[in-house]
Amino acid sequence: MSNHDFIDTVFRNARSQNGWLPRPVGDEQLREIYEHMKWGPTSVNCSPARIVFVRSVQARTQLKEALSPGNVEKTMSAPVVAIVGYDTRFFEHLPSLFPHNPAVKGWFEGEGKQAFAETTAFRNSTLQGAYLITAARAVGLDCGPMSGFDHAKIDAAFFSGTSVKSNFICGIGYGDPAKIFARSPRLSFEQACGLV
């Protein structure tokens, strides 16, 4: 695949999906997505994203109860829904993830540092969620990311008893081209960027 084709696959021709074809997504495909996304950069390699891939009937039922009404159909028809969460205690892994400076754990751990740790976890899990979308598209799958759900319900159902909180969810599978909206406009370089 040429660089031009890759850019088309990952960005220019990729679309947020609103419907899905009845084709399964296997464990190996999900592992492949993670094996690619994990290399994306995060602050001090903190890697706070924690992902639950929802497929079972029971898990899908729990997920459905937390969705905003307008997101139910497109989410429940996805073969897999990734819940991208963030571990607020990500710093416990920093001695192994950032071994050349184990003292960096102290930047986030301890009294008065909770807000900084949570902001860092949220920001970097969002980055990792974007890497997940890019990786899924790169391996030939489509995505439907969204944030319309009850975070408290998702956290209780999927992250209870942990230090993980939900960030956003993302349908993964093979998109149904008949259910894609017309492409929405984007801001121009001049509107969004500055050169100083």
N, C-alpha and C. Protein backbone atom coordinates (compact mmCIF):
# COMPACT_ATOMS: atom_id res chain seq x y z
N MET A 1 0.85 -1.18 0.00
CA MET A 1 0.00 0.00 0.00
C MET A 1 0.89 1.24 0.00
N SER A 2 0.62 2.16 -0.90
CA SER A 2 1.40 3.40 -0.97
C SER A 2 1.04 4.31 0.20
N ASN A 3 1.90 5.30 0.46
CA ASN A 3 1.59 6.27 1.51
C ASN A 3 0.27 6.98 1.23
N HIS A 4 0.02 7.28 -0.03
CA HIS A 4 -1.22 7.96 -0.42
C HIS A 4 -2.42 7.08 -0.08
N ASP A 5 -2.33 5.79 -0.44
CA ASP A 5 -3.42 4.86 -0.14
C ASP A 5 -3.63 4.72 1.37
N PHE A 6 -2.52 4.68 2.11
CA PHE A 6 -2.63 4.54 3.57
C PHE A 6 -3.33 5.75 4.18
N ILE A 7 -2.96 6.95 3.73
CA ILE A 7 -3.61 8.16 4.23
C ILE A 7 -5.10 8.14 3.90
N ASP A 8 -5.45 7.67 2.70
CA ASP A 8 -6.86 7.55 2.34
C ASP A 8 -7.57 6.59 3.28
N THR A 9 -6.95 5.43 3.55
CA THR A 9 -7.57 4.40 4.39
C THR A 9 -7.78 4.88 5.81
N VAL A 10 -6.81 5.58 6.35
CA VAL A 10 -6.85 5.96 7.76
C VAL A 10 -7.56 7.28 8.00
N PHE A 11 -7.48 8.20 7.03
CA PHE A 11 -8.05 9.53 7.25
C PHE A 11 -9.06 9.97 6.18
N ARG A 12 -8.60 10.18 4.95
CA ARG A 12 -9.44 10.85 3.96
C ARG A 12 -10.72 10.09 3.61
N ASN A 13 -10.63 8.78 3.47
CA ASN A 13 -11.81 8.00 3.10
C ASN A 13 -12.47 7.32 4.29
N ALA A 14 -11.85 7.35 5.43
CA ALA A 14 -12.41 6.72 6.64
C ALA A 14 -13.57 7.56 7.16
N ARG A 15 -14.58 6.89 7.64
CA ARG A 15 -15.77 7.58 8.11
C ARG A 15 -16.20 7.02 9.46
N SER A 16 -16.86 7.85 10.26
CA SER A 16 -17.48 7.35 11.50
C SER A 16 -18.74 6.60 11.11
N GLN A 17 -18.83 5.36 11.56
CA GLN A 17 -19.90 4.48 11.11
C GLN A 17 -21.17 4.63 11.95
N ASN A 18 -22.30 4.50 11.27
CA ASN A 18 -23.61 4.54 11.93
C ASN A 18 -24.37 3.22 11.79
N GLY A 19 -23.80 2.28 11.07
CA GLY A 19 -24.41 0.97 10.89
C GLY A 19 -23.34 -0.02 10.48
N TRP A 20 -23.66 -1.30 10.64
CA TRP A 20 -22.63 -2.33 10.48
C TRP A 20 -23.12 -3.50 9.65
N LEU A 21 -22.21 -4.11 8.91
CA LEU A 21 -22.50 -5.33 8.19
C LEU A 21 -22.39 -6.50 9.16
N PRO A 22 -23.14 -7.57 8.93
CA PRO A 22 -23.11 -8.71 9.85
C PRO A 22 -21.88 -9.60 9.62
N ARG A 23 -20.72 -9.04 9.84
CA ARG A 23 -19.46 -9.78 9.71
C ARG A 23 -18.75 -9.74 11.05
N PRO A 24 -18.29 -10.88 11.53
CA PRO A 24 -17.64 -10.92 12.85
C PRO A 24 -16.25 -10.31 12.84
N VAL A 25 -15.81 -9.91 14.02
CA VAL A 25 -14.44 -9.45 14.26
C VAL A 25 -13.83 -10.43 15.26
N GLY A 26 -12.72 -11.04 14.89
CA GLY A 26 -12.13 -12.08 15.72
C GLY A 26 -11.15 -11.56 16.76
N ASP A 27 -10.82 -12.44 17.70
CA ASP A 27 -9.86 -12.10 18.75
C ASP A 27 -8.52 -11.65 18.17
N GLU A 28 -8.07 -12.34 17.13
CA GLU A 28 -6.76 -11.99 16.56
C GLU A 28 -6.76 -10.60 15.97
N GLN A 29 -7.89 -10.18 15.40
CA GLN A 29 -7.98 -8.82 14.88
C GLN A 29 -7.90 -7.80 16.01
N LEU A 30 -8.55 -8.08 17.13
CA LEU A 30 -8.51 -7.16 18.27
C LEU A 30 -7.10 -7.11 18.87
N ARG A 31 -6.45 -8.25 18.93
CA ARG A 31 -5.06 -8.28 19.41
C ARG A 31 -4.15 -7.49 18.47
N GLU A 32 -4.38 -7.62 17.18
CA GLU A 32 -3.57 -6.89 16.20
C GLU A 32 -3.75 -5.38 16.37
N ILE A 33 -4.99 -4.96 16.57
CA ILE A 33 -5.24 -3.54 16.81
C ILE A 33 -4.42 -3.06 18.01
N TYR A 34 -4.50 -3.80 19.12
CA TYR A 34 -3.77 -3.38 20.32
C TYR A 34 -2.26 -3.38 20.07
N GLU A 35 -1.76 -4.40 19.38
CA GLU A 35 -0.31 -4.48 19.14
C GLU A 35 0.20 -3.30 18.33
N HIS A 36 -0.65 -2.71 17.50
CA HIS A 36 -0.26 -1.51 16.75
C HIS A 36 -0.43 -0.25 17.61
N MET A 37 -1.59 -0.13 18.26
CA MET A 37 -1.89 1.12 18.98
C MET A 37 -0.96 1.36 20.16
N LYS A 38 -0.46 0.30 20.77
CA LYS A 38 0.34 0.46 21.99
C LYS A 38 1.64 1.22 21.76
N TRP A 39 2.08 1.33 20.51
CA TRP A 39 3.32 2.02 20.22
C TRP A 39 3.14 3.54 20.10
N GLY A 40 1.92 4.03 20.07
CA GLY A 40 1.70 5.47 19.99
C GLY A 40 2.21 6.16 21.25
N PRO A 41 2.77 7.36 21.12
CA PRO A 41 3.37 8.04 22.28
C PRO A 41 2.35 8.54 23.30
N THR A 42 2.74 8.47 24.56
CA THR A 42 1.99 9.05 25.68
C THR A 42 2.99 9.72 26.60
N SER A 43 2.52 10.64 27.44
CA SER A 43 3.40 11.35 28.38
C SER A 43 4.14 10.35 29.24
N VAL A 44 5.44 10.49 29.32
CA VAL A 44 6.33 9.59 30.07
C VAL A 44 5.93 8.12 29.89
N ASN A 45 5.46 7.79 28.68
CA ASN A 45 5.06 6.42 28.35
C ASN A 45 4.04 5.87 29.35
N CYS A 46 3.16 6.74 29.85
CA CYS A 46 2.27 6.35 30.95
C CYS A 46 1.22 5.32 30.56
N SER A 47 0.83 5.27 29.29
CA SER A 47 -0.06 4.22 28.77
C SER A 47 -1.26 3.94 29.67
N PRO A 48 -2.11 4.93 29.95
CA PRO A 48 -3.20 4.74 30.91
C PRO A 48 -4.45 4.08 30.34
N ALA A 49 -4.54 3.92 29.03
CA ALA A 49 -5.77 3.37 28.45
C ALA A 49 -5.97 1.92 28.88
N ARG A 50 -7.20 1.62 29.24
CA ARG A 50 -7.62 0.25 29.52
C ARG A 50 -8.86 0.01 28.67
N ILE A 51 -8.86 -1.07 27.91
CA ILE A 51 -9.91 -1.29 26.93
C ILE A 51 -10.65 -2.58 27.24
N VAL A 52 -11.96 -2.49 27.23
CA VAL A 52 -12.82 -3.67 27.32
C VAL A 52 -13.50 -3.81 25.96
N PHE A 53 -13.29 -4.96 25.32
CA PHE A 53 -13.96 -5.24 24.05
C PHE A 53 -15.25 -6.01 24.36
N VAL A 54 -16.37 -5.37 24.12
CA VAL A 54 -17.68 -5.92 24.47
C VAL A 54 -18.24 -6.72 23.29
N ARG A 55 -18.51 -8.01 23.55
CA ARG A 55 -19.10 -8.86 22.51
C ARG A 55 -20.19 -9.78 23.05
N SER A 56 -20.07 -10.27 24.27
CA SER A 56 -21.02 -11.26 24.79
C SER A 56 -22.41 -10.65 24.96
N VAL A 57 -23.40 -11.51 24.97
CA VAL A 57 -24.79 -11.07 25.15
C VAL A 57 -24.95 -10.34 26.48
N GLN A 58 -24.40 -10.90 27.54
CA GLN A 58 -24.52 -10.29 28.86
C GLN A 58 -23.88 -8.90 28.91
N ALA A 59 -22.66 -8.80 28.37
CA ALA A 59 -21.96 -7.51 28.37
C ALA A 59 -22.68 -6.49 27.50
N ARG A 60 -23.21 -6.94 26.37
CA ARG A 60 -23.93 -6.04 25.48
C ARG A 60 -25.21 -5.52 26.15
N THR A 61 -25.85 -6.36 26.94
CA THR A 61 -27.04 -5.94 27.67
C THR A 61 -26.69 -4.84 28.67
N GLN A 62 -25.60 -5.02 29.38
CA GLN A 62 -25.15 -4.00 30.34
C GLN A 62 -24.79 -2.70 29.61
N LEU A 63 -24.13 -2.84 28.48
CA LEU A 63 -23.75 -1.67 27.70
C LEU A 63 -24.99 -0.91 27.22
N LYS A 64 -25.97 -1.64 26.70
CA LYS A 64 -27.18 -1.02 26.16
C LYS A 64 -27.88 -0.15 27.19
N GLU A 65 -27.91 -0.60 28.44
CA GLU A 65 -28.58 0.14 29.51
C GLU A 65 -27.94 1.50 29.78
N ALA A 66 -26.69 1.68 29.36
CA ALA A 66 -25.98 2.92 29.62
C ALA A 66 -25.99 3.89 28.43
N LEU A 67 -26.47 3.45 27.29
CA LEU A 67 -26.39 4.26 26.07
C LEU A 67 -27.47 5.33 26.01
N SER A 68 -27.12 6.47 25.42
CA SER A 68 -28.13 7.47 25.10
C SER A 68 -29.04 6.89 24.03
N PRO A 69 -30.34 7.24 24.04
CA PRO A 69 -31.29 6.62 23.10
C PRO A 69 -30.85 6.69 21.64
N GLY A 70 -30.29 7.81 21.23
CA GLY A 70 -29.89 7.96 19.83
C GLY A 70 -28.70 7.11 19.42
N ASN A 71 -28.01 6.52 20.39
CA ASN A 71 -26.82 5.72 20.08
C ASN A 71 -27.06 4.22 20.18
N VAL A 72 -28.26 3.81 20.59
CA VAL A 72 -28.51 2.39 20.85
C VAL A 72 -28.36 1.55 19.59
N GLU A 73 -29.08 1.90 18.53
CA GLU A 73 -29.10 1.04 17.33
C GLU A 73 -27.71 0.89 16.73
N LYS A 74 -27.00 2.00 16.52
CA LYS A 74 -25.70 1.89 15.85
C LYS A 74 -24.66 1.22 16.74
N THR A 75 -24.82 1.33 18.05
CA THR A 75 -23.87 0.68 18.94
C THR A 75 -24.15 -0.81 19.06
N MET A 76 -25.40 -1.16 19.24
CA MET A 76 -25.74 -2.57 19.45
C MET A 76 -25.58 -3.40 18.19
N SER A 77 -25.58 -2.78 17.02
CA SER A 77 -25.39 -3.54 15.79
C SER A 77 -23.92 -3.76 15.45
N ALA A 78 -23.02 -3.10 16.18
CA ALA A 78 -21.58 -3.29 15.95
C ALA A 78 -21.15 -4.66 16.45
N PRO A 79 -20.31 -5.37 15.70
CA PRO A 79 -19.83 -6.67 16.16
C PRO A 79 -19.07 -6.60 17.47
N VAL A 80 -18.33 -5.51 17.67
CA VAL A 80 -17.55 -5.29 18.88
C VAL A 80 -17.69 -3.83 19.26
N VAL A 81 -17.78 -3.57 20.55
CA VAL A 81 -17.72 -2.19 21.04
C VAL A 81 -16.57 -2.11 22.03
N ALA A 82 -15.64 -1.23 21.74
CA ALA A 82 -14.51 -1.01 22.65
C ALA A 82 -14.89 0.08 23.64
N ILE A 83 -14.76 -0.23 24.92
CA ILE A 83 -14.89 0.80 25.94
C ILE A 83 -13.47 1.24 26.26
N VAL A 84 -13.16 2.48 25.91
CA VAL A 84 -11.82 3.01 26.18
C VAL A 84 -11.89 3.72 27.53
N GLY A 85 -11.18 3.18 28.48
CA GLY A 85 -11.13 3.76 29.81
C GLY A 85 -9.74 4.28 30.12
N TYR A 86 -9.61 4.89 31.29
CA TYR A 86 -8.30 5.37 31.73
C TYR A 86 -8.10 4.99 33.19
N ASP A 87 -6.90 4.49 33.46
CA ASP A 87 -6.55 4.06 34.80
C ASP A 87 -5.99 5.25 35.57
N THR A 88 -6.70 5.68 36.59
CA THR A 88 -6.26 6.85 37.37
C THR A 88 -5.02 6.53 38.21
N ARG A 89 -4.67 5.24 38.32
CA ARG A 89 -3.46 4.83 39.03
C ARG A 89 -2.43 4.25 38.06
N PHE A 90 -2.44 4.79 36.84
CA PHE A 90 -1.49 4.37 35.81
C PHE A 90 -0.05 4.43 36.30
N PHE A 91 0.21 5.35 37.21
CA PHE A 91 1.59 5.60 37.66
C PHE A 91 2.20 4.40 38.36
N GLU A 92 1.39 3.46 38.80
CA GLU A 92 1.93 2.26 39.44
C GLU A 92 2.78 1.44 38.47
N HIS A 93 2.54 1.61 37.18
CA HIS A 93 3.30 0.88 36.16
C HIS A 93 4.51 1.67 35.65
N LEU A 94 4.68 2.91 36.09
CA LEU A 94 5.75 3.74 35.54
C LEU A 94 7.16 3.21 35.80
N PRO A 95 7.44 2.57 36.95
CA PRO A 95 8.80 2.05 37.11
C PRO A 95 9.21 1.07 36.00
N SER A 96 8.27 0.33 35.45
CA SER A 96 8.61 -0.58 34.35
C SER A 96 8.42 0.08 32.98
N LEU A 97 7.46 0.99 32.86
CA LEU A 97 7.21 1.64 31.58
C LEU A 97 8.19 2.78 31.28
N PHE A 98 8.76 3.35 32.31
CA PHE A 98 9.69 4.47 32.16
C PHE A 98 10.93 4.18 33.02
N PRO A 99 11.63 3.07 32.72
CA PRO A 99 12.66 2.57 33.63
C PRO A 99 13.89 3.45 33.79
N HIS A 100 14.15 4.32 32.83
CA HIS A 100 15.34 5.16 32.96
C HIS A 100 15.16 6.29 33.98
N ASN A 101 13.91 6.47 34.47
CA ASN A 101 13.69 7.45 35.53
C ASN A 101 12.53 6.98 36.41
N PRO A 102 12.75 5.96 37.25
CA PRO A 102 11.68 5.43 38.08
C PRO A 102 11.07 6.46 39.03
N ALA A 103 11.79 7.54 39.30
CA ALA A 103 11.28 8.57 40.22
C ALA A 103 10.08 9.31 39.66
N VAL A 104 9.82 9.17 38.35
CA VAL A 104 8.71 9.89 37.73
C VAL A 104 7.36 9.47 38.35
N LYS A 105 7.31 8.29 38.94
CA LYS A 105 6.08 7.84 39.61
C LYS A 105 5.64 8.87 40.65
N GLY A 106 6.60 9.49 41.32
CA GLY A 106 6.32 10.47 42.36
C GLY A 106 5.66 11.74 41.86
N TRP A 107 5.70 11.98 40.56
CA TRP A 107 5.03 13.16 40.01
C TRP A 107 3.52 13.05 40.16
N PHE A 108 3.03 11.81 40.20
CA PHE A 108 1.59 11.57 40.15
C PHE A 108 1.01 10.95 41.42
N GLU A 109 1.84 10.37 42.25
CA GLU A 109 1.38 9.63 43.41
C GLU A 109 1.51 10.46 44.67
N GLY A 110 0.47 10.44 45.48
CA GLY A 110 0.55 11.10 46.76
C GLY A 110 -0.45 12.21 46.92
N GLU A 111 -0.45 12.75 48.12
CA GLU A 111 -1.41 13.79 48.48
C GLU A 111 -1.27 15.02 47.59
N GLY A 112 -2.40 15.52 47.14
CA GLY A 112 -2.43 16.73 46.34
C GLY A 112 -2.10 16.53 44.87
N LYS A 113 -1.86 15.29 44.45
CA LYS A 113 -1.48 15.04 43.05
C LYS A 113 -2.56 14.32 42.26
N GLN A 114 -3.70 14.06 42.89
CA GLN A 114 -4.76 13.29 42.24
C GLN A 114 -5.29 13.98 40.98
N ALA A 115 -5.50 15.27 41.04
CA ALA A 115 -6.05 15.99 39.88
C ALA A 115 -5.08 15.93 38.71
N PHE A 116 -3.79 16.10 38.98
CA PHE A 116 -2.78 16.02 37.91
C PHE A 116 -2.74 14.62 37.32
N ALA A 117 -2.81 13.60 38.18
CA ALA A 117 -2.79 12.22 37.70
C ALA A 117 -4.02 11.94 36.83
N GLU A 118 -5.19 12.40 37.28
CA GLU A 118 -6.41 12.13 36.53
C GLU A 118 -6.41 12.87 35.19
N THR A 119 -5.96 14.11 35.17
CA THR A 119 -5.88 14.85 33.91
C THR A 119 -4.93 14.17 32.94
N THR A 120 -3.79 13.73 33.46
CA THR A 120 -2.81 13.03 32.63
C THR A 120 -3.39 11.74 32.07
N ALA A 121 -4.09 10.99 32.92
CA ALA A 121 -4.68 9.73 32.49
C ALA A 121 -5.74 9.95 31.42
N PHE A 122 -6.61 10.94 31.64
CA PHE A 122 -7.68 11.21 30.68
C PHE A 122 -7.11 11.65 29.33
N ARG A 123 -6.18 12.61 29.38
CA ARG A 123 -5.59 13.13 28.13
C ARG A 123 -4.91 12.02 27.34
N ASN A 124 -4.11 11.23 28.02
CA ASN A 124 -3.34 10.22 27.31
C ASN A 124 -4.17 9.02 26.89
N SER A 125 -5.23 8.70 27.63
CA SER A 125 -6.12 7.63 27.17
C SER A 125 -6.89 8.08 25.94
N THR A 126 -7.16 9.38 25.84
CA THR A 126 -7.81 9.91 24.65
C THR A 126 -6.89 9.75 23.44
N LEU A 127 -5.61 10.08 23.64
CA LEU A 127 -4.63 9.84 22.58
C LEU A 127 -4.62 8.37 22.18
N GLN A 128 -4.58 7.49 23.18
CA GLN A 128 -4.54 6.07 22.88
C GLN A 128 -5.81 5.59 22.19
N GLY A 129 -6.94 6.19 22.54
CA GLY A 129 -8.18 5.86 21.85
C GLY A 129 -8.11 6.26 20.37
N ALA A 130 -7.47 7.39 20.09
CA ALA A 130 -7.27 7.79 18.69
C ALA A 130 -6.33 6.82 17.99
N TYR A 131 -5.31 6.35 18.69
CA TYR A 131 -4.43 5.34 18.09
C TYR A 131 -5.22 4.06 17.81
N LEU A 132 -6.14 3.69 18.68
CA LEU A 132 -6.96 2.51 18.46
C LEU A 132 -7.77 2.66 17.18
N ILE A 133 -8.39 3.81 16.98
CA ILE A 133 -9.17 4.06 15.77
C ILE A 133 -8.28 3.97 14.54
N THR A 134 -7.12 4.61 14.60
CA THR A 134 -6.19 4.59 13.47
C THR A 134 -5.72 3.17 13.17
N ALA A 135 -5.40 2.41 14.22
CA ALA A 135 -4.94 1.02 14.04
C ALA A 135 -6.05 0.16 13.45
N ALA A 136 -7.27 0.31 13.94
CA ALA A 136 -8.38 -0.48 13.42
C ALA A 136 -8.59 -0.19 11.93
N ARG A 137 -8.54 1.07 11.56
CA ARG A 137 -8.70 1.42 10.15
C ARG A 137 -7.54 0.87 9.32
N ALA A 138 -6.34 0.91 9.88
CA ALA A 138 -5.16 0.43 9.15
C ALA A 138 -5.23 -1.06 8.86
N VAL A 139 -5.92 -1.83 9.71
CA VAL A 139 -6.03 -3.28 9.47
C VAL A 139 -7.32 -3.65 8.75
N GLY A 140 -8.03 -2.66 8.23
CA GLY A 140 -9.18 -2.93 7.38
C GLY A 140 -10.54 -2.91 8.06
N LEU A 141 -10.60 -2.43 9.29
CA LEU A 141 -11.87 -2.34 10.00
C LEU A 141 -12.36 -0.90 10.03
N ASP A 142 -13.61 -0.74 10.38
CA ASP A 142 -14.22 0.58 10.50
C ASP A 142 -14.53 0.86 11.96
N CYS A 143 -14.73 2.14 12.27
CA CYS A 143 -14.98 2.56 13.66
C CYS A 143 -16.15 3.53 13.74
N GLY A 144 -16.79 3.51 14.90
CA GLY A 144 -17.86 4.45 15.21
C GLY A 144 -17.68 4.95 16.62
N PRO A 145 -16.77 5.90 16.85
CA PRO A 145 -16.55 6.42 18.21
C PRO A 145 -17.68 7.32 18.67
N MET A 146 -17.95 7.31 19.97
CA MET A 146 -18.99 8.19 20.51
C MET A 146 -18.83 8.36 22.02
N SER A 147 -19.48 9.40 22.52
CA SER A 147 -19.42 9.67 23.95
C SER A 147 -20.81 9.78 24.57
N GLY A 148 -21.85 9.42 23.84
CA GLY A 148 -23.21 9.54 24.35
C GLY A 148 -23.63 8.35 25.18
N PHE A 149 -23.21 8.34 26.45
CA PHE A 149 -23.57 7.25 27.35
C PHE A 149 -23.42 7.72 28.79
N ASP A 150 -23.97 6.96 29.70
CA ASP A 150 -23.90 7.26 31.12
C ASP A 150 -22.61 6.67 31.69
N HIS A 151 -21.67 7.54 31.99
CA HIS A 151 -20.35 7.07 32.47
C HIS A 151 -20.46 6.29 33.77
N ALA A 152 -21.32 6.73 34.66
CA ALA A 152 -21.45 6.04 35.95
C ALA A 152 -21.92 4.60 35.75
N LYS A 153 -22.87 4.40 34.84
CA LYS A 153 -23.37 3.05 34.57
C LYS A 153 -22.29 2.18 33.91
N ILE A 154 -21.57 2.75 32.97
CA ILE A 154 -20.49 2.00 32.32
C ILE A 154 -19.42 1.62 33.34
N ASP A 155 -19.05 2.59 34.18
CA ASP A 155 -18.00 2.32 35.17
C ASP A 155 -18.44 1.25 36.16
N ALA A 156 -19.71 1.30 36.57
CA ALA A 156 -20.21 0.31 37.52
C ALA A 156 -20.27 -1.07 36.89
N ALA A 157 -20.63 -1.14 35.62
CA ALA A 157 -20.78 -2.43 34.95
C ALA A 157 -19.45 -3.05 34.53
N PHE A 158 -18.50 -2.22 34.12
CA PHE A 158 -17.28 -2.76 33.52
C PHE A 158 -15.99 -2.48 34.29
N PHE A 159 -16.00 -1.50 35.18
CA PHE A 159 -14.76 -1.16 35.89
C PHE A 159 -14.94 -1.13 37.40
N SER A 160 -16.00 -1.74 37.90
CA SER A 160 -16.27 -1.73 39.34
C SER A 160 -15.10 -2.32 40.12
N GLY A 161 -14.75 -1.66 41.22
CA GLY A 161 -13.67 -2.15 42.07
C GLY A 161 -12.28 -1.89 41.54
N THR A 162 -12.18 -1.10 40.47
CA THR A 162 -10.87 -0.78 39.90
C THR A 162 -10.64 0.73 39.97
N SER A 163 -9.48 1.16 39.52
CA SER A 163 -9.17 2.58 39.44
C SER A 163 -9.37 3.11 38.03
N VAL A 164 -10.15 2.39 37.23
CA VAL A 164 -10.39 2.76 35.83
C VAL A 164 -11.73 3.46 35.69
N LYS A 165 -11.75 4.50 34.85
CA LYS A 165 -12.97 5.24 34.52
C LYS A 165 -13.13 5.26 33.00
N SER A 166 -14.36 5.33 32.55
CA SER A 166 -14.62 5.34 31.11
C SER A 166 -14.33 6.70 30.50
N ASN A 167 -13.83 6.66 29.27
CA ASN A 167 -13.56 7.86 28.50
C ASN A 167 -14.56 7.96 27.34
N PHE A 168 -14.49 7.02 26.39
CA PHE A 168 -15.46 6.98 25.29
C PHE A 168 -15.61 5.54 24.82
N ILE A 169 -16.58 5.32 23.95
CA ILE A 169 -16.78 3.99 23.39
C ILE A 169 -16.61 4.06 21.88
N CYS A 170 -16.36 2.90 21.27
CA CYS A 170 -16.11 2.88 19.84
C CYS A 170 -16.56 1.55 19.25
N GLY A 171 -17.56 1.61 18.36
CA GLY A 171 -17.94 0.42 17.61
C GLY A 171 -16.83 0.06 16.65
N ILE A 172 -16.59 -1.24 16.50
CA ILE A 172 -15.55 -1.74 15.59
C ILE A 172 -16.14 -2.87 14.76
N GLY A 173 -15.91 -2.82 13.47
CA GLY A 173 -16.40 -3.87 12.59
C GLY A 173 -16.26 -3.45 11.14
N TYR A 174 -17.20 -3.91 10.34
CA TYR A 174 -17.23 -3.57 8.92
C TYR A 174 -18.45 -2.70 8.70
N GLY A 175 -18.21 -1.44 8.40
CA GLY A 175 -19.29 -0.48 8.28
C GLY A 175 -20.22 -0.76 7.11
N ASP A 176 -21.47 -0.39 7.30
CA ASP A 176 -22.48 -0.50 6.25
C ASP A 176 -22.49 0.82 5.47
N PRO A 177 -22.01 0.80 4.21
CA PRO A 177 -21.93 2.06 3.46
C PRO A 177 -23.28 2.74 3.27
N ALA A 178 -24.37 1.99 3.35
CA ALA A 178 -25.70 2.58 3.16
C ALA A 178 -26.13 3.45 4.34
N LYS A 179 -25.40 3.35 5.46
CA LYS A 179 -25.81 4.09 6.66
C LYS A 179 -24.85 5.23 7.02
N ILE A 180 -24.00 5.58 6.10
CA ILE A 180 -23.06 6.69 6.36
C ILE A 180 -23.73 8.00 5.97
N PHE A 181 -23.58 8.99 6.83
CA PHE A 181 -24.08 10.33 6.52
C PHE A 181 -23.18 10.98 5.47
N ALA A 182 -23.69 12.02 4.83
CA ALA A 182 -22.86 12.82 3.92
C ALA A 182 -21.69 13.39 4.71
N ARG A 183 -20.56 13.50 4.06
CA ARG A 183 -19.35 13.99 4.72
C ARG A 183 -19.56 15.40 5.23
N SER A 184 -19.29 15.63 6.49
CA SER A 184 -19.42 16.97 7.08
C SER A 184 -18.17 17.78 6.78
N PRO A 185 -18.31 19.11 6.70
CA PRO A 185 -17.13 19.94 6.41
C PRO A 185 -16.15 19.96 7.58
N ARG A 186 -14.96 20.40 7.30
CA ARG A 186 -13.92 20.57 8.30
C ARG A 186 -13.40 22.01 8.21
N LEU A 187 -12.77 22.47 9.29
CA LEU A 187 -12.17 23.80 9.27
C LEU A 187 -10.96 23.80 8.34
N SER A 188 -10.71 24.94 7.72
CA SER A 188 -9.53 25.09 6.86
C SER A 188 -8.30 25.28 7.74
N PHE A 189 -7.14 25.14 7.14
CA PHE A 189 -5.89 25.39 7.84
C PHE A 189 -5.91 26.77 8.48
N GLU A 190 -6.35 27.76 7.73
CA GLU A 190 -6.36 29.14 8.22
C GLU A 190 -7.30 29.33 9.42
N GLN A 191 -8.39 28.58 9.45
CA GLN A 191 -9.32 28.69 10.55
C GLN A 191 -8.80 27.99 11.82
N ALA A 192 -8.06 26.94 11.66
CA ALA A 192 -7.68 26.10 12.80
C ALA A 192 -6.23 26.25 13.24
N CYS A 193 -5.40 26.83 12.40
CA CYS A 193 -3.95 26.83 12.70
C CYS A 193 -3.38 28.22 12.65
N GLY A 194 -2.27 28.39 13.33
CA GLY A 194 -1.53 29.63 13.29
C GLY A 194 -0.07 29.34 13.03
N LEU A 195 0.58 30.27 12.37
CA LEU A 195 2.01 30.18 12.13
C LEU A 195 2.66 31.37 12.83
N VAL A 196 3.53 31.13 13.79
CA VAL A 196 4.12 32.23 14.56
C VAL A 196 5.64 32.20 14.47
